[in-house]
């Protein structure tokens, strides 16, 4: 189970940039992951399951489940591959600075520390037809939850071998802070590490944590 390595950048060797084929350049939507450094995957796992390994809190959040997929990643000697729509594509990490921030709920003053990460894996536009002889295959179940079907705020739980591997809030830079149109550039240029989340996003996060018994 991941603990300290959750927030480390992916430094896996994926080959020289100049040798990379043309990649998918659609960047119209910038996705943002929000992590909770003070809440470990183990804590979430214990909250979701009882001692008999039967579903407990999972049953409470099942009505918010909007998608469940299996993500297959292949780690080989020549780089990282991912399976999308039955095709295999090489991917490589685009690292962005991580902003450290926090917010409080006005009524109870409970401080929630967060990490805001705009890093992502970029996918080549042309499928790869070769898998390295030496490789490791990793499969994870990705569960996506939304409190409101129309909301852009998603709570993601990644499961590996029926154990919580990772979890985070997934949103967009446009929904991060409605009062500051340049928040994305400020994070990437390290001009700030204090981001004031918009009220709706903040309330969504608190609501998720309350359902999971992790807001305390």
N, C-alpha and C. Protein backbone atom coordinates (compact mmCIF):
# COMPACT_ATOMS: atom_id res chain seq x y z
N UNK A 1 0.84 -1.19 0.00
CA UNK A 1 0.00 0.00 0.00
C UNK A 1 0.88 1.24 0.00
N UNK A 2 0.55 2.19 -0.79
CA UNK A 2 1.33 3.40 -0.87
C UNK A 2 1.16 4.23 0.38
N UNK A 3 2.24 4.86 0.83
CA UNK A 3 2.15 5.81 1.94
C UNK A 3 2.93 7.05 1.57
N UNK A 4 4.25 7.08 1.88
CA UNK A 4 5.05 8.26 1.62
C UNK A 4 5.24 8.53 0.14
N UNK A 5 5.21 7.50 -0.70
CA UNK A 5 5.50 7.67 -2.12
C UNK A 5 4.32 8.21 -2.91
N UNK A 6 3.19 8.44 -2.26
CA UNK A 6 2.00 8.90 -2.99
C UNK A 6 2.25 10.20 -3.70
N UNK A 7 3.03 11.10 -3.07
CA UNK A 7 3.16 12.45 -3.60
C UNK A 7 4.49 12.69 -4.29
N UNK A 8 5.31 11.63 -4.47
CA UNK A 8 6.58 11.78 -5.16
C UNK A 8 6.36 11.77 -6.66
N UNK A 9 7.15 12.57 -7.38
CA UNK A 9 7.03 12.62 -8.84
C UNK A 9 7.50 11.31 -9.45
N UNK A 10 6.88 10.94 -10.58
CA UNK A 10 7.24 9.72 -11.29
C UNK A 10 8.49 9.96 -12.10
N UNK A 11 9.59 9.32 -11.69
CA UNK A 11 10.86 9.52 -12.38
C UNK A 11 11.24 8.30 -13.21
N UNK A 12 10.27 7.46 -13.51
CA UNK A 12 10.53 6.25 -14.30
C UNK A 12 11.06 6.64 -15.66
N UNK A 13 12.10 5.96 -16.11
CA UNK A 13 12.73 6.27 -17.39
C UNK A 13 11.80 5.92 -18.54
N UNK A 14 11.38 6.94 -19.29
CA UNK A 14 10.48 6.67 -20.43
C UNK A 14 11.12 7.07 -21.75
N UNK A 15 12.44 7.12 -21.76
CA UNK A 15 13.14 7.40 -23.01
C UNK A 15 13.41 8.87 -23.22
N UNK A 16 14.19 9.19 -24.23
CA UNK A 16 14.53 10.57 -24.54
C UNK A 16 13.36 11.30 -25.16
N UNK A 17 13.14 12.56 -24.74
CA UNK A 17 12.03 13.35 -25.27
C UNK A 17 12.16 13.52 -26.78
N UNK A 18 13.34 13.71 -27.28
CA UNK A 18 13.50 13.95 -28.72
C UNK A 18 13.15 12.74 -29.56
N UNK A 19 13.13 11.55 -28.90
CA UNK A 19 12.80 10.33 -29.63
C UNK A 19 11.32 9.98 -29.56
N UNK A 20 10.54 10.79 -28.84
CA UNK A 20 9.14 10.47 -28.65
C UNK A 20 8.32 10.78 -29.89
N UNK A 21 7.36 9.92 -30.25
CA UNK A 21 6.48 10.22 -31.37
C UNK A 21 5.48 11.29 -30.99
N UNK A 22 4.70 11.71 -31.95
CA UNK A 22 3.72 12.76 -31.73
C UNK A 22 2.72 12.33 -30.66
N UNK A 23 2.39 13.27 -29.74
CA UNK A 23 1.51 12.96 -28.64
C UNK A 23 0.19 13.69 -28.79
N UNK A 24 -0.78 13.18 -28.05
CA UNK A 24 -2.08 13.84 -28.00
C UNK A 24 -1.92 15.18 -27.32
N UNK A 25 -2.21 16.28 -28.02
CA UNK A 25 -1.94 17.62 -27.50
C UNK A 25 -3.19 18.34 -27.04
N UNK A 26 -4.26 17.61 -26.82
CA UNK A 26 -5.49 18.25 -26.39
C UNK A 26 -5.39 18.66 -24.92
N UNK A 27 -5.19 19.93 -24.65
CA UNK A 27 -5.01 20.44 -23.30
C UNK A 27 -6.08 21.46 -22.95
N UNK A 28 -7.26 21.34 -23.57
CA UNK A 28 -8.32 22.32 -23.34
C UNK A 28 -8.75 22.31 -21.88
N UNK A 29 -8.79 21.14 -21.27
CA UNK A 29 -9.17 21.02 -19.87
C UNK A 29 -7.97 20.60 -19.05
N UNK A 30 -7.64 21.40 -18.04
CA UNK A 30 -6.52 21.09 -17.18
C UNK A 30 -7.05 20.46 -15.90
N UNK A 31 -6.79 19.17 -15.72
CA UNK A 31 -7.27 18.47 -14.54
C UNK A 31 -6.34 18.71 -13.35
N UNK A 32 -6.93 18.78 -12.19
CA UNK A 32 -6.19 19.04 -10.96
C UNK A 32 -6.52 17.95 -9.95
N UNK A 33 -5.49 17.38 -9.33
CA UNK A 33 -5.69 16.40 -8.27
C UNK A 33 -5.42 17.08 -6.93
N UNK A 34 -6.31 16.84 -5.99
CA UNK A 34 -6.15 17.39 -4.64
C UNK A 34 -5.98 16.21 -3.68
N UNK A 35 -4.81 16.17 -3.02
CA UNK A 35 -4.49 15.09 -2.10
C UNK A 35 -4.60 15.58 -0.65
N UNK A 36 -4.72 14.61 0.26
CA UNK A 36 -4.81 14.91 1.69
C UNK A 36 -3.62 14.25 2.39
N UNK A 37 -2.53 14.98 2.60
CA UNK A 37 -1.31 14.37 3.13
C UNK A 37 -1.44 13.80 4.54
N UNK A 38 -2.43 14.25 5.29
CA UNK A 38 -2.61 13.77 6.66
C UNK A 38 -3.58 12.58 6.76
N UNK A 39 -4.09 12.15 5.61
CA UNK A 39 -4.98 10.98 5.59
C UNK A 39 -4.35 9.92 4.69
N UNK A 40 -3.99 8.80 5.24
CA UNK A 40 -3.31 7.76 4.48
C UNK A 40 -4.32 6.82 3.81
N UNK A 41 -3.90 6.12 2.74
CA UNK A 41 -4.77 5.10 2.14
C UNK A 41 -5.20 4.05 3.14
N UNK A 42 -4.34 3.75 4.11
CA UNK A 42 -4.69 2.76 5.14
C UNK A 42 -5.86 3.25 5.98
N UNK A 43 -5.87 4.55 6.32
CA UNK A 43 -6.98 5.10 7.10
C UNK A 43 -8.29 5.00 6.32
N UNK A 44 -8.23 5.33 5.02
CA UNK A 44 -9.43 5.24 4.21
C UNK A 44 -9.90 3.80 4.10
N UNK A 45 -8.97 2.88 3.90
CA UNK A 45 -9.32 1.47 3.78
C UNK A 45 -10.03 0.98 5.04
N UNK A 46 -9.49 1.34 6.20
CA UNK A 46 -10.09 0.91 7.46
C UNK A 46 -11.47 1.52 7.66
N UNK A 47 -11.67 2.73 7.10
CA UNK A 47 -12.97 3.37 7.19
C UNK A 47 -14.00 2.70 6.27
N UNK A 48 -13.53 2.17 5.15
CA UNK A 48 -14.43 1.56 4.17
C UNK A 48 -14.82 0.13 4.52
N UNK A 49 -13.96 -0.60 5.24
CA UNK A 49 -14.20 -2.01 5.51
C UNK A 49 -14.26 -2.27 7.02
N UNK A 50 -15.05 -3.25 7.39
CA UNK A 50 -15.08 -3.66 8.79
C UNK A 50 -14.10 -4.81 8.99
N UNK A 51 -14.07 -5.34 10.19
CA UNK A 51 -13.10 -6.38 10.53
C UNK A 51 -13.31 -7.67 9.74
N UNK A 52 -14.51 -7.90 9.27
CA UNK A 52 -14.82 -9.11 8.52
C UNK A 52 -14.65 -8.92 7.02
N UNK A 53 -14.01 -7.79 6.63
CA UNK A 53 -13.74 -7.47 5.23
C UNK A 53 -15.01 -7.32 4.41
N UNK A 54 -16.14 -7.03 5.07
CA UNK A 54 -17.38 -6.77 4.36
C UNK A 54 -17.54 -5.27 4.18
N UNK A 55 -18.29 -4.89 3.18
CA UNK A 55 -18.47 -3.47 2.89
C UNK A 55 -19.21 -2.80 4.04
N UNK A 56 -18.73 -1.62 4.42
CA UNK A 56 -19.39 -0.84 5.44
C UNK A 56 -19.69 0.55 4.89
N UNK A 57 -18.68 1.43 4.94
CA UNK A 57 -18.87 2.77 4.41
C UNK A 57 -19.07 2.74 2.90
N UNK A 58 -18.56 1.72 2.23
CA UNK A 58 -18.76 1.59 0.79
C UNK A 58 -20.25 1.60 0.45
N UNK A 59 -21.04 0.97 1.31
CA UNK A 59 -22.48 0.93 1.05
C UNK A 59 -23.10 2.31 1.15
N UNK A 60 -22.53 3.18 2.00
CA UNK A 60 -23.05 4.53 2.15
C UNK A 60 -22.74 5.39 0.93
N UNK A 61 -21.60 5.15 0.30
CA UNK A 61 -21.22 6.00 -0.82
C UNK A 61 -21.55 5.37 -2.18
N UNK A 62 -22.11 4.16 -2.17
CA UNK A 62 -22.40 3.47 -3.43
C UNK A 62 -23.35 4.26 -4.32
N UNK A 63 -24.27 5.01 -3.72
CA UNK A 63 -25.22 5.78 -4.51
C UNK A 63 -24.56 6.94 -5.25
N UNK A 64 -23.33 7.28 -4.85
CA UNK A 64 -22.61 8.37 -5.50
C UNK A 64 -21.64 7.86 -6.58
N UNK A 65 -21.56 6.54 -6.74
CA UNK A 65 -20.65 5.96 -7.73
C UNK A 65 -21.16 6.25 -9.14
N UNK A 66 -20.34 6.89 -9.96
CA UNK A 66 -20.74 7.23 -11.33
C UNK A 66 -19.94 6.46 -12.38
N UNK A 67 -18.81 5.89 -11.97
CA UNK A 67 -18.01 5.15 -12.95
C UNK A 67 -17.04 4.22 -12.23
N UNK A 68 -16.79 3.08 -12.85
CA UNK A 68 -15.81 2.14 -12.32
C UNK A 68 -15.09 1.50 -13.49
N UNK A 69 -13.78 1.65 -13.54
CA UNK A 69 -12.98 1.13 -14.65
C UNK A 69 -11.76 0.39 -14.11
N UNK A 70 -11.18 -0.42 -14.99
CA UNK A 70 -9.92 -1.10 -14.67
C UNK A 70 -8.80 -0.42 -15.45
N UNK A 71 -7.81 0.06 -14.76
CA UNK A 71 -6.67 0.72 -15.40
C UNK A 71 -5.50 -0.26 -15.43
N UNK A 72 -5.00 -0.51 -16.64
CA UNK A 72 -3.87 -1.42 -16.82
C UNK A 72 -2.64 -0.63 -17.25
N UNK A 73 -1.58 -0.75 -16.46
CA UNK A 73 -0.32 -0.05 -16.74
C UNK A 73 0.79 -1.09 -16.86
N UNK A 74 1.62 -0.93 -17.88
CA UNK A 74 2.73 -1.84 -18.12
C UNK A 74 4.04 -1.08 -17.94
N UNK A 75 4.86 -1.51 -17.00
CA UNK A 75 6.16 -0.90 -16.75
C UNK A 75 7.23 -1.77 -17.40
N UNK A 76 7.90 -1.24 -18.42
CA UNK A 76 8.90 -2.01 -19.14
C UNK A 76 10.24 -1.31 -19.18
N UNK A 77 11.21 -1.98 -19.77
CA UNK A 77 12.57 -1.44 -19.82
C UNK A 77 12.68 -0.22 -20.73
N UNK A 78 11.71 -0.01 -21.64
CA UNK A 78 11.77 1.12 -22.56
C UNK A 78 10.78 2.23 -22.21
N UNK A 79 10.00 2.04 -21.13
CA UNK A 79 9.07 3.10 -20.75
C UNK A 79 7.81 2.55 -20.12
N UNK A 80 6.80 3.41 -20.05
CA UNK A 80 5.53 3.08 -19.43
C UNK A 80 4.45 3.00 -20.50
N UNK A 81 3.61 1.98 -20.43
CA UNK A 81 2.52 1.79 -21.38
C UNK A 81 1.20 1.72 -20.62
N UNK A 82 0.13 2.22 -21.25
CA UNK A 82 -1.21 2.12 -20.68
C UNK A 82 -2.17 1.57 -21.73
N UNK A 83 -3.17 0.85 -21.27
CA UNK A 83 -4.18 0.29 -22.17
C UNK A 83 -5.39 1.22 -22.19
N UNK A 84 -5.78 1.65 -23.40
CA UNK A 84 -6.94 2.51 -23.60
C UNK A 84 -7.76 1.97 -24.77
N UNK A 85 -9.01 1.62 -24.53
CA UNK A 85 -9.90 1.12 -25.58
C UNK A 85 -9.27 -0.04 -26.35
N UNK A 86 -8.69 -0.98 -25.61
CA UNK A 86 -8.09 -2.19 -26.17
C UNK A 86 -6.82 -1.93 -26.98
N UNK A 87 -6.31 -0.72 -26.93
CA UNK A 87 -5.03 -0.39 -27.58
C UNK A 87 -4.01 -0.02 -26.51
N UNK A 88 -2.74 -0.25 -26.84
CA UNK A 88 -1.65 0.05 -25.90
C UNK A 88 -0.93 1.31 -26.37
N UNK A 89 -0.76 2.26 -25.44
CA UNK A 89 -0.08 3.51 -25.76
C UNK A 89 1.06 3.75 -24.78
N UNK A 90 2.15 4.30 -25.31
CA UNK A 90 3.22 4.71 -24.41
C UNK A 90 2.86 6.06 -23.80
N UNK A 91 3.19 6.23 -22.53
CA UNK A 91 2.90 7.47 -21.82
C UNK A 91 4.16 7.93 -21.09
N UNK A 92 4.20 9.21 -20.77
CA UNK A 92 5.30 9.71 -19.95
C UNK A 92 4.79 10.86 -19.09
N UNK A 93 5.41 11.05 -17.91
CA UNK A 93 4.88 12.04 -16.97
C UNK A 93 5.22 13.47 -17.35
N UNK A 94 4.24 14.36 -17.19
CA UNK A 94 4.45 15.80 -17.28
C UNK A 94 4.36 16.33 -15.86
N UNK A 95 5.49 16.66 -15.27
CA UNK A 95 5.53 17.08 -13.88
C UNK A 95 5.27 18.57 -13.74
N UNK A 96 4.43 18.93 -12.78
CA UNK A 96 4.13 20.31 -12.44
C UNK A 96 4.42 20.52 -10.95
N UNK A 97 4.70 21.75 -10.55
CA UNK A 97 4.91 22.00 -9.12
C UNK A 97 3.67 21.65 -8.30
N UNK A 98 3.89 21.20 -7.08
CA UNK A 98 2.79 20.87 -6.17
C UNK A 98 2.64 22.01 -5.17
N UNK A 99 1.44 22.55 -5.08
CA UNK A 99 1.16 23.63 -4.13
C UNK A 99 0.63 23.03 -2.84
N UNK A 100 1.18 23.48 -1.72
CA UNK A 100 0.69 23.06 -0.41
C UNK A 100 -0.27 24.12 0.11
N UNK A 101 -1.41 23.70 0.58
CA UNK A 101 -2.39 24.66 1.06
C UNK A 101 -3.26 24.02 2.12
N UNK A 102 -4.24 24.75 2.59
CA UNK A 102 -5.19 24.22 3.56
C UNK A 102 -6.45 25.08 3.53
N UNK A 103 -7.49 24.57 4.13
CA UNK A 103 -8.69 25.39 4.31
C UNK A 103 -9.38 24.96 5.59
N UNK A 104 -10.25 25.81 6.07
CA UNK A 104 -10.98 25.55 7.30
C UNK A 104 -12.47 25.76 7.07
N UNK A 105 -13.27 24.99 7.74
CA UNK A 105 -14.70 25.23 7.74
C UNK A 105 -15.00 26.26 8.82
N UNK A 106 -15.63 27.34 8.44
CA UNK A 106 -15.79 28.48 9.33
C UNK A 106 -16.45 28.11 10.65
N UNK A 107 -17.40 27.19 10.64
CA UNK A 107 -18.16 26.91 11.84
C UNK A 107 -17.40 26.10 12.89
N UNK A 108 -16.50 25.21 12.47
CA UNK A 108 -15.82 24.37 13.46
C UNK A 108 -14.31 24.53 13.48
N UNK A 109 -13.74 25.28 12.52
CA UNK A 109 -12.31 25.59 12.52
C UNK A 109 -11.43 24.35 12.42
N UNK A 110 -11.92 23.29 11.81
CA UNK A 110 -11.10 22.11 11.57
C UNK A 110 -10.23 22.38 10.35
N UNK A 111 -8.93 22.29 10.52
CA UNK A 111 -7.98 22.59 9.45
C UNK A 111 -7.75 21.36 8.60
N UNK A 112 -7.88 21.49 7.29
CA UNK A 112 -7.65 20.40 6.36
C UNK A 112 -6.47 20.76 5.46
N UNK A 113 -5.38 20.03 5.58
CA UNK A 113 -4.21 20.25 4.73
C UNK A 113 -4.42 19.55 3.39
N UNK A 114 -4.01 20.22 2.33
CA UNK A 114 -4.17 19.64 0.99
C UNK A 114 -2.93 19.88 0.15
N UNK A 115 -2.75 19.04 -0.86
CA UNK A 115 -1.72 19.21 -1.88
C UNK A 115 -2.42 19.32 -3.23
N UNK A 116 -2.08 20.36 -3.99
CA UNK A 116 -2.72 20.60 -5.29
C UNK A 116 -1.71 20.26 -6.38
N UNK A 117 -2.04 19.26 -7.20
CA UNK A 117 -1.11 18.73 -8.19
C UNK A 117 -1.72 18.77 -9.58
N UNK A 118 -1.06 19.44 -10.52
CA UNK A 118 -1.52 19.51 -11.90
C UNK A 118 -0.72 18.59 -12.82
N UNK A 119 0.12 17.75 -12.26
CA UNK A 119 0.89 16.81 -13.07
C UNK A 119 -0.03 15.79 -13.73
N UNK A 120 0.42 15.23 -14.84
CA UNK A 120 -0.39 14.23 -15.54
C UNK A 120 0.49 13.36 -16.43
N UNK A 121 -0.10 12.26 -16.91
CA UNK A 121 0.60 11.39 -17.85
C UNK A 121 0.15 11.72 -19.26
N UNK A 122 1.10 12.02 -20.11
CA UNK A 122 0.79 12.36 -21.50
C UNK A 122 0.88 11.11 -22.37
N UNK A 123 -0.12 10.94 -23.23
CA UNK A 123 -0.23 9.73 -24.04
C UNK A 123 0.13 10.01 -25.49
N UNK A 124 0.91 9.12 -26.07
CA UNK A 124 1.22 9.23 -27.49
C UNK A 124 -0.05 9.01 -28.30
N UNK A 125 -0.14 9.67 -29.44
CA UNK A 125 -1.33 9.55 -30.27
C UNK A 125 -1.36 8.26 -31.09
N UNK A 126 -0.19 7.64 -31.28
CA UNK A 126 -0.09 6.42 -32.07
C UNK A 126 0.08 5.22 -31.14
N UNK A 127 -0.75 4.18 -31.29
CA UNK A 127 -0.62 3.00 -30.42
C UNK A 127 0.75 2.35 -30.55
N UNK A 128 1.15 1.69 -29.49
CA UNK A 128 2.39 0.93 -29.48
C UNK A 128 2.05 -0.54 -29.73
N UNK A 129 2.81 -1.16 -30.63
CA UNK A 129 2.52 -2.55 -31.00
C UNK A 129 3.54 -3.53 -30.44
N UNK A 130 4.41 -3.04 -29.56
CA UNK A 130 5.40 -3.91 -28.95
C UNK A 130 5.44 -3.69 -27.44
N UNK A 131 5.50 -4.78 -26.71
CA UNK A 131 5.66 -4.74 -25.26
C UNK A 131 7.06 -5.26 -24.94
N UNK A 132 7.84 -4.54 -24.14
CA UNK A 132 9.19 -5.01 -23.80
C UNK A 132 9.15 -6.41 -23.20
N UNK A 133 10.16 -7.19 -23.49
CA UNK A 133 10.23 -8.56 -22.98
C UNK A 133 10.22 -8.55 -21.45
N UNK A 134 10.97 -7.62 -20.88
CA UNK A 134 11.01 -7.49 -19.43
C UNK A 134 10.00 -6.40 -19.03
N UNK A 135 8.94 -6.80 -18.37
CA UNK A 135 7.92 -5.83 -17.99
C UNK A 135 7.12 -6.32 -16.79
N UNK A 136 6.42 -5.39 -16.18
CA UNK A 136 5.53 -5.68 -15.06
C UNK A 136 4.17 -5.09 -15.38
N UNK A 137 3.12 -5.87 -15.19
CA UNK A 137 1.76 -5.41 -15.44
C UNK A 137 1.08 -5.07 -14.12
N UNK A 138 0.52 -3.88 -14.04
CA UNK A 138 -0.19 -3.44 -12.83
C UNK A 138 -1.63 -3.11 -13.19
N UNK A 139 -2.56 -3.65 -12.43
CA UNK A 139 -3.98 -3.36 -12.66
C UNK A 139 -4.59 -2.75 -11.41
N UNK A 140 -5.36 -1.69 -11.62
CA UNK A 140 -6.05 -1.02 -10.52
C UNK A 140 -7.50 -0.79 -10.91
N UNK A 141 -8.37 -0.87 -9.93
CA UNK A 141 -9.77 -0.52 -10.13
C UNK A 141 -9.96 0.93 -9.73
N UNK A 142 -10.48 1.74 -10.65
CA UNK A 142 -10.66 3.17 -10.41
C UNK A 142 -12.15 3.43 -10.19
N UNK A 143 -12.50 3.84 -8.98
CA UNK A 143 -13.88 4.14 -8.65
C UNK A 143 -14.06 5.66 -8.59
N UNK A 144 -15.04 6.17 -9.31
CA UNK A 144 -15.29 7.61 -9.37
C UNK A 144 -16.64 7.93 -8.73
N UNK A 145 -16.61 8.87 -7.78
CA UNK A 145 -17.83 9.25 -7.08
C UNK A 145 -18.10 10.75 -7.28
N UNK A 146 -19.39 11.10 -7.34
CA UNK A 146 -19.80 12.50 -7.43
C UNK A 146 -21.03 12.70 -6.55
N UNK A 147 -20.99 13.74 -5.72
CA UNK A 147 -22.15 14.05 -4.89
C UNK A 147 -23.29 14.60 -5.73
N UNK A 148 -22.92 15.36 -6.75
CA UNK A 148 -23.90 15.95 -7.67
C UNK A 148 -23.51 15.56 -9.08
N UNK A 149 -24.40 14.92 -9.84
CA UNK A 149 -24.06 14.48 -11.20
C UNK A 149 -23.58 15.61 -12.11
N UNK A 150 -24.00 16.84 -11.83
CA UNK A 150 -23.61 17.97 -12.67
C UNK A 150 -22.33 18.65 -12.19
N UNK A 151 -21.82 18.21 -11.06
CA UNK A 151 -20.62 18.83 -10.50
C UNK A 151 -19.36 18.37 -11.23
N UNK A 152 -18.34 19.22 -11.25
CA UNK A 152 -17.04 18.85 -11.81
C UNK A 152 -16.11 18.27 -10.74
N UNK A 153 -16.60 18.17 -9.52
CA UNK A 153 -15.80 17.62 -8.42
C UNK A 153 -16.00 16.12 -8.34
N UNK A 154 -14.92 15.37 -8.47
CA UNK A 154 -14.99 13.91 -8.40
C UNK A 154 -14.09 13.41 -7.28
N UNK A 155 -14.55 12.40 -6.57
CA UNK A 155 -13.73 11.75 -5.56
C UNK A 155 -13.30 10.41 -6.13
N UNK A 156 -11.98 10.22 -6.25
CA UNK A 156 -11.42 9.02 -6.89
C UNK A 156 -10.81 8.11 -5.84
N UNK A 157 -11.19 6.83 -5.88
CA UNK A 157 -10.55 5.82 -5.05
C UNK A 157 -9.93 4.78 -5.97
N UNK A 158 -8.63 4.56 -5.83
CA UNK A 158 -7.93 3.55 -6.61
C UNK A 158 -7.69 2.32 -5.74
N UNK A 159 -8.14 1.17 -6.24
CA UNK A 159 -8.00 -0.09 -5.50
C UNK A 159 -7.02 -1.01 -6.23
N UNK A 160 -6.18 -1.67 -5.46
CA UNK A 160 -5.25 -2.64 -6.01
C UNK A 160 -5.28 -3.87 -5.11
N UNK A 161 -5.65 -5.01 -5.69
CA UNK A 161 -5.78 -6.25 -4.92
C UNK A 161 -6.74 -6.07 -3.76
N UNK A 162 -7.85 -5.36 -4.01
CA UNK A 162 -8.91 -5.13 -3.02
C UNK A 162 -8.45 -4.29 -1.83
N UNK A 163 -7.37 -3.55 -2.01
CA UNK A 163 -6.86 -2.65 -0.96
C UNK A 163 -6.79 -1.25 -1.53
N UNK A 164 -7.15 -0.25 -0.73
CA UNK A 164 -7.07 1.14 -1.19
C UNK A 164 -5.61 1.49 -1.47
N UNK A 165 -5.33 1.84 -2.71
CA UNK A 165 -3.98 2.15 -3.16
C UNK A 165 -3.74 3.66 -3.13
N UNK A 166 -4.76 4.43 -3.50
CA UNK A 166 -4.63 5.88 -3.53
C UNK A 166 -6.03 6.49 -3.56
N UNK A 167 -6.13 7.77 -3.23
CA UNK A 167 -7.41 8.48 -3.33
C UNK A 167 -7.13 9.98 -3.41
N UNK A 168 -8.02 10.70 -4.06
CA UNK A 168 -7.84 12.12 -4.26
C UNK A 168 -9.11 12.74 -4.83
N UNK A 169 -9.18 14.05 -4.79
CA UNK A 169 -10.24 14.80 -5.44
C UNK A 169 -9.75 15.17 -6.83
N UNK A 170 -10.59 14.99 -7.84
CA UNK A 170 -10.25 15.37 -9.21
C UNK A 170 -11.20 16.49 -9.64
N UNK A 171 -10.62 17.62 -10.03
CA UNK A 171 -11.41 18.75 -10.50
C UNK A 171 -10.65 19.42 -11.64
N UNK A 172 -11.03 20.64 -12.00
CA UNK A 172 -10.33 21.37 -13.05
C UNK A 172 -9.79 22.67 -12.50
N UNK A 173 -8.82 23.25 -13.19
CA UNK A 173 -8.24 24.51 -12.75
C UNK A 173 -9.28 25.63 -12.74
N UNK A 174 -10.25 25.55 -13.65
CA UNK A 174 -11.30 26.57 -13.70
C UNK A 174 -12.20 26.52 -12.47
N UNK A 175 -12.34 25.32 -11.89
CA UNK A 175 -13.20 25.16 -10.72
C UNK A 175 -12.43 25.27 -9.41
N UNK A 176 -11.12 25.44 -9.50
CA UNK A 176 -10.30 25.48 -8.30
C UNK A 176 -10.56 26.75 -7.50
N UNK A 177 -10.58 27.87 -8.21
CA UNK A 177 -10.77 29.16 -7.55
C UNK A 177 -11.42 30.11 -8.54
N UNK A 178 -12.71 30.33 -8.39
CA UNK A 178 -13.44 31.17 -9.34
C UNK A 178 -13.02 32.63 -9.29
N UNK A 179 -12.38 33.03 -8.20
CA UNK A 179 -12.01 34.44 -8.07
C UNK A 179 -10.66 34.79 -8.63
N UNK A 180 -9.92 33.80 -9.14
CA UNK A 180 -8.57 34.07 -9.64
C UNK A 180 -8.35 33.28 -10.92
N UNK A 181 -8.46 33.94 -12.06
CA UNK A 181 -8.34 33.28 -13.35
C UNK A 181 -6.91 32.81 -13.62
N UNK A 182 -5.94 33.34 -12.89
CA UNK A 182 -4.54 33.00 -13.13
C UNK A 182 -4.00 32.00 -12.12
N UNK A 183 -4.89 31.30 -11.41
CA UNK A 183 -4.42 30.40 -10.37
C UNK A 183 -3.53 29.30 -10.94
N UNK A 184 -3.85 28.78 -12.14
CA UNK A 184 -3.03 27.72 -12.76
C UNK A 184 -1.61 28.22 -12.99
N UNK A 185 -1.45 29.41 -13.58
CA UNK A 185 -0.12 29.95 -13.86
C UNK A 185 0.65 30.24 -12.58
N UNK A 186 -0.05 30.67 -11.54
CA UNK A 186 0.61 30.97 -10.28
C UNK A 186 1.18 29.71 -9.64
N UNK A 187 0.42 28.60 -9.71
CA UNK A 187 0.91 27.35 -9.15
C UNK A 187 2.11 26.85 -9.95
N UNK A 188 2.01 26.88 -11.28
CA UNK A 188 3.08 26.35 -12.12
C UNK A 188 4.36 27.18 -12.00
N UNK A 189 4.23 28.48 -11.73
CA UNK A 189 5.42 29.33 -11.61
C UNK A 189 5.89 29.45 -10.16
N UNK A 190 5.22 28.68 -9.25
CA UNK A 190 5.54 28.71 -7.83
C UNK A 190 5.39 30.11 -7.24
N UNK A 191 4.51 30.90 -7.83
CA UNK A 191 4.28 32.26 -7.32
C UNK A 191 3.47 32.24 -6.04
N UNK A 192 2.81 31.13 -5.76
CA UNK A 192 2.03 31.04 -4.53
C UNK A 192 1.92 29.59 -4.11
N UNK A 193 1.78 29.36 -2.80
CA UNK A 193 1.48 28.02 -2.30
C UNK A 193 0.25 28.06 -1.39
N UNK A 194 -0.45 29.17 -1.44
CA UNK A 194 -1.70 29.30 -0.67
C UNK A 194 -2.84 29.59 -1.64
N UNK A 195 -3.66 28.59 -1.88
CA UNK A 195 -4.77 28.72 -2.80
C UNK A 195 -6.07 28.72 -2.01
N UNK A 196 -6.89 29.73 -2.21
CA UNK A 196 -8.20 29.79 -1.57
C UNK A 196 -9.21 29.08 -2.46
N UNK A 197 -9.63 27.89 -2.05
CA UNK A 197 -10.57 27.12 -2.84
C UNK A 197 -11.94 27.80 -2.86
N UNK A 198 -12.64 27.65 -3.99
CA UNK A 198 -13.96 28.25 -4.04
C UNK A 198 -14.91 27.50 -3.10
N UNK A 199 -15.97 28.17 -2.70
CA UNK A 199 -16.86 27.65 -1.66
C UNK A 199 -17.50 26.32 -2.04
N UNK A 200 -17.92 26.17 -3.29
CA UNK A 200 -18.59 24.94 -3.71
C UNK A 200 -17.64 23.75 -3.66
N UNK A 201 -16.42 23.94 -4.12
CA UNK A 201 -15.42 22.86 -4.08
C UNK A 201 -15.10 22.49 -2.63
N UNK A 202 -14.94 23.49 -1.81
CA UNK A 202 -14.65 23.26 -0.39
C UNK A 202 -15.76 22.44 0.27
N UNK A 203 -17.01 22.81 0.01
CA UNK A 203 -18.13 22.10 0.61
C UNK A 203 -18.23 20.67 0.08
N UNK A 204 -17.92 20.46 -1.20
CA UNK A 204 -17.92 19.11 -1.77
C UNK A 204 -16.88 18.24 -1.07
N UNK A 205 -15.69 18.79 -0.87
CA UNK A 205 -14.61 18.04 -0.22
C UNK A 205 -15.01 17.66 1.20
N UNK A 206 -15.52 18.62 1.95
CA UNK A 206 -15.93 18.36 3.33
C UNK A 206 -17.04 17.30 3.37
N UNK A 207 -17.98 17.38 2.44
CA UNK A 207 -19.08 16.41 2.40
C UNK A 207 -18.56 15.00 2.15
N UNK A 208 -17.60 14.85 1.22
CA UNK A 208 -17.01 13.54 0.96
C UNK A 208 -16.33 13.00 2.21
N UNK A 209 -15.55 13.84 2.85
CA UNK A 209 -14.81 13.41 4.04
C UNK A 209 -15.75 13.05 5.19
N UNK A 210 -16.86 13.76 5.29
CA UNK A 210 -17.85 13.44 6.33
C UNK A 210 -18.47 12.07 6.09
N UNK A 211 -18.83 11.78 4.84
CA UNK A 211 -19.42 10.48 4.51
C UNK A 211 -18.44 9.36 4.80
N UNK A 212 -17.15 9.64 4.59
CA UNK A 212 -16.11 8.62 4.80
C UNK A 212 -15.60 8.58 6.23
N UNK A 213 -16.19 9.39 7.11
CA UNK A 213 -15.77 9.47 8.52
C UNK A 213 -14.31 9.89 8.66
N UNK A 214 -13.87 10.77 7.77
CA UNK A 214 -12.47 11.22 7.78
C UNK A 214 -12.35 12.71 8.06
N UNK A 215 -13.48 13.35 8.34
CA UNK A 215 -13.45 14.79 8.65
C UNK A 215 -13.48 14.95 10.15
N UNK A 216 -12.29 15.05 10.73
CA UNK A 216 -12.19 15.17 12.20
C UNK A 216 -10.81 15.70 12.57
